[in-house]
């Protein structure tokens, strides 16, 4: 991806409030925005069409720590990435899982 594929632009400011847009290769997200959370590549009980219908233009699609164990990296690679695995064609954020590594890592074995 090229640097120009991503940008943030403030559209309007009022005191400490900022309305903006984030451009990604998948689309433009206007901020502030509603962002559903799916830590294991699934927003529980909702399909991608449901999420779109609710106005979600961005999701938190996965926590790397949880994704490593379930469904697993082989499954994600076979699907050719998170977007295809989830059936979500809009922007997605992921969580590094750093907190879970430090708080749960010692208790988890593969």
C-alpha atoms as a PDB file:
ATOM      1  CA  UNK A   1       0.000   0.000   0.000  1.00  0.00           C
ATOM      2  CA  UNK A   2       1.100   3.483  -0.755  1.00  0.00           C
ATOM      3  CA  UNK A   3       1.147   6.336   1.746  1.00  0.00           C
ATOM      4  CA  UNK A   4      -1.493   8.237  -0.252  1.00  0.00           C
ATOM      5  CA  UNK A   5      -3.886   5.298   0.261  1.00  0.00           C
ATOM      6  CA  UNK A   6      -4.330   6.540   3.849  1.00  0.00           C
ATOM      7  CA  UNK A   7      -4.983   9.971   5.276  1.00  0.00           C
ATOM      8  CA  UNK A   8      -6.890  11.802   7.975  1.00  0.00           C
ATOM      9  CA  UNK A   9      -8.407  15.174   7.265  1.00  0.00           C
ATOM     10  CA  UNK A  10     -10.174  17.424   9.764  1.00  0.00           C
ATOM     11  CA  UNK A  11     -13.317  18.750   8.082  1.00  0.00           C
ATOM     12  CA  UNK A  12     -14.621  20.938  10.869  1.00  0.00           C
ATOM     13  CA  UNK A  13     -13.435  21.891  14.345  1.00  0.00           C
ATOM     14  CA  UNK A  14     -15.406  23.357  17.222  1.00  0.00           C
ATOM     15  CA  UNK A  15     -13.478  23.901  20.447  1.00  0.00           C
ATOM     16  CA  UNK A  16     -12.127  20.404  21.243  1.00  0.00           C
ATOM     17  CA  UNK A  17     -14.521  18.618  18.884  1.00  0.00           C
ATOM     18  CA  UNK A  18     -13.309  17.530  15.483  1.00  0.00           C
ATOM     19  CA  UNK A  19     -15.254  16.099  12.553  1.00  0.00           C
ATOM     20  CA  UNK A  20     -13.032  14.379  10.065  1.00  0.00           C
ATOM     21  CA  UNK A  21     -12.515  11.714   7.502  1.00  0.00           C
ATOM     22  CA  UNK A  22     -10.120   8.810   7.351  1.00  0.00           C
ATOM     23  CA  UNK A  23      -9.327   7.469   3.909  1.00  0.00           C
ATOM     24  CA  UNK A  24      -8.299   3.825   3.603  1.00  0.00           C
ATOM     25  CA  UNK A  25      -7.943   1.555   0.569  1.00  0.00           C
ATOM     26  CA  UNK A  26     -11.400   0.159   1.440  1.00  0.00           C
ATOM     27  CA  UNK A  27     -13.344   3.443   1.720  1.00  0.00           C
ATOM     28  CA  UNK A  28     -13.633   6.715   3.594  1.00  0.00           C
ATOM     29  CA  UNK A  29     -14.754   6.709   7.239  1.00  0.00           C
ATOM     30  CA  UNK A  30     -16.241   9.869   8.690  1.00  0.00           C
ATOM     31  CA  UNK A  31     -15.469  10.570  12.336  1.00  0.00           C
ATOM     32  CA  UNK A  32     -16.750  10.319  14.923  1.00  0.00           C
ATOM     33  CA  UNK A  33     -18.246   6.975  13.940  1.00  0.00           C
ATOM     34  CA  UNK A  34     -20.036   3.925  15.273  1.00  0.00           C
ATOM     35  CA  UNK A  35     -17.529   1.052  15.401  1.00  0.00           C
ATOM     36  CA  UNK A  36     -18.788  -2.418  16.362  1.00  0.00           C
ATOM     37  CA  UNK A  37     -16.289  -4.811  17.946  1.00  0.00           C
ATOM     38  CA  UNK A  38     -15.552  -8.383  16.888  1.00  0.00           C
ATOM     39  CA  UNK A  39     -12.479  -9.728  18.659  1.00  0.00           C
ATOM     40  CA  UNK A  40     -12.457 -13.081  16.859  1.00  0.00           C
ATOM     41  CA  UNK A  41     -13.291 -11.924  13.320  1.00  0.00           C
ATOM     42  CA  UNK A  42     -16.990 -11.868  14.065  1.00  0.00           C
ATOM     43  CA  UNK A  43     -19.325  -9.264  15.481  1.00  0.00           C
ATOM     44  CA  UNK A  44     -21.474 -11.661  17.470  1.00  0.00           C
ATOM     45  CA  UNK A  45     -24.996 -12.263  16.098  1.00  0.00           C
ATOM     46  CA  UNK A  46     -24.599  -9.799  13.189  1.00  0.00           C
ATOM     47  CA  UNK A  47     -23.740 -10.412   9.543  1.00  0.00           C
ATOM     48  CA  UNK A  48     -21.712  -7.959   7.466  1.00  0.00           C
ATOM     49  CA  UNK A  49     -24.997  -6.905   5.805  1.00  0.00           C
ATOM     50  CA  UNK A  50     -26.532  -6.276   9.251  1.00  0.00           C
ATOM     51  CA  UNK A  51     -23.542  -4.112  10.184  1.00  0.00           C
ATOM     52  CA  UNK A  52     -23.795  -2.118   6.957  1.00  0.00           C
ATOM     53  CA  UNK A  53     -27.506  -1.642   7.538  1.00  0.00           C
ATOM     54  CA  UNK A  54     -26.773  -0.239  10.985  1.00  0.00           C
ATOM     55  CA  UNK A  55     -24.454   2.312   9.413  1.00  0.00           C
ATOM     56  CA  UNK A  56     -21.145   0.774  10.469  1.00  0.00           C
ATOM     57  CA  UNK A  57     -18.431   2.014   8.160  1.00  0.00           C
ATOM     58  CA  UNK A  58     -15.577   0.649  10.282  1.00  0.00           C
ATOM     59  CA  UNK A  59     -15.234  -2.319  12.635  1.00  0.00           C
ATOM     60  CA  UNK A  60     -12.717  -3.581  15.133  1.00  0.00           C
ATOM     61  CA  UNK A  61     -12.375  -6.940  13.440  1.00  0.00           C
ATOM     62  CA  UNK A  62      -9.921  -8.871  15.494  1.00  0.00           C
ATOM     63  CA  UNK A  63      -7.619  -9.159  18.435  1.00  0.00           C
ATOM     64  CA  UNK A  64      -4.362 -10.752  17.274  1.00  0.00           C
ATOM     65  CA  UNK A  65      -3.940 -12.784  20.457  1.00  0.00           C
ATOM     66  CA  UNK A  66      -7.418 -14.304  20.225  1.00  0.00           C
ATOM     67  CA  UNK A  67      -7.181 -14.757  16.435  1.00  0.00           C
ATOM     68  CA  UNK A  68      -3.958 -16.704  16.824  1.00  0.00           C
ATOM     69  CA  UNK A  69      -5.758 -19.382  18.826  1.00  0.00           C
ATOM     70  CA  UNK A  70      -9.175 -19.300  17.155  1.00  0.00           C
ATOM     71  CA  UNK A  71      -9.725 -19.489  14.198  1.00  0.00           C
ATOM     72  CA  UNK A  72      -5.927 -19.604  13.781  1.00  0.00           C
ATOM     73  CA  UNK A  73      -3.527 -18.027  11.323  1.00  0.00           C
ATOM     74  CA  UNK A  74      -3.727 -20.927   8.837  1.00  0.00           C
ATOM     75  CA  UNK A  75      -7.456 -20.342   8.441  1.00  0.00           C
ATOM     76  CA  UNK A  76      -6.994 -16.583   7.917  1.00  0.00           C
ATOM     77  CA  UNK A  77      -4.187 -17.157   5.394  1.00  0.00           C
ATOM     78  CA  UNK A  78      -6.271 -19.719   3.488  1.00  0.00           C
ATOM     79  CA  UNK A  79      -9.078 -17.153   3.209  1.00  0.00           C
ATOM     80  CA  UNK A  80      -6.496 -14.611   1.924  1.00  0.00           C
ATOM     81  CA  UNK A  81      -6.867 -12.252   4.854  1.00  0.00           C
ATOM     82  CA  UNK A  82      -9.278 -10.981   7.466  1.00  0.00           C
ATOM     83  CA  UNK A  83     -11.544  -9.058   5.111  1.00  0.00           C
ATOM     84  CA  UNK A  84     -12.290 -12.099   2.983  1.00  0.00           C
ATOM     85  CA  UNK A  85     -12.556 -14.390   5.998  1.00  0.00           C
ATOM     86  CA  UNK A  86     -15.159 -12.094   7.555  1.00  0.00           C
ATOM     87  CA  UNK A  87     -16.905 -11.080   4.346  1.00  0.00           C
ATOM     88  CA  UNK A  88     -16.356  -7.424   5.285  1.00  0.00           C
ATOM     89  CA  UNK A  89     -15.272  -5.084   2.474  1.00  0.00           C
ATOM     90  CA  UNK A  90     -15.068  -1.872   4.469  1.00  0.00           C
ATOM     91  CA  UNK A  91     -12.262  -0.572   6.733  1.00  0.00           C
ATOM     92  CA  UNK A  92     -11.230  -2.628   9.732  1.00  0.00           C
ATOM     93  CA  UNK A  93      -9.026  -1.996  12.741  1.00  0.00           C
ATOM     94  CA  UNK A  94      -7.267  -4.745  14.628  1.00  0.00           C
ATOM     95  CA  UNK A  95      -6.014  -4.930  18.190  1.00  0.00           C
ATOM     96  CA  UNK A  96      -2.442  -6.105  18.745  1.00  0.00           C
ATOM     97  CA  UNK A  97      -3.389  -8.357  21.642  1.00  0.00           C
ATOM     98  CA  UNK A  98      -0.478  -7.032  23.700  1.00  0.00           C
ATOM     99  CA  UNK A  99      -2.516  -6.779  26.877  1.00  0.00           C
ATOM    100  CA  UNK A 100      -3.775 -10.353  26.489  1.00  0.00           C
ATOM    101  CA  UNK A 101      -0.232 -11.647  25.950  1.00  0.00           C
ATOM    102  CA  UNK A 102       0.842 -10.172  29.284  1.00  0.00           C
ATOM    103  CA  UNK A 103      -2.344 -10.980  31.200  1.00  0.00           C
ATOM    104  CA  UNK A 104      -3.365 -14.356  29.697  1.00  0.00           C
ATOM    105  CA  UNK A 105      -0.261 -15.647  27.929  1.00  0.00           C
ATOM    106  CA  UNK A 106       1.171 -17.622  30.838  1.00  0.00           C
ATOM    107  CA  UNK A 107      -2.137 -19.461  31.271  1.00  0.00           C
ATOM    108  CA  UNK A 108      -2.563 -20.393  27.608  1.00  0.00           C
ATOM    109  CA  UNK A 109      -0.883 -23.175  25.714  1.00  0.00           C
ATOM    110  CA  UNK A 110      -1.555 -24.091  22.114  1.00  0.00           C
END
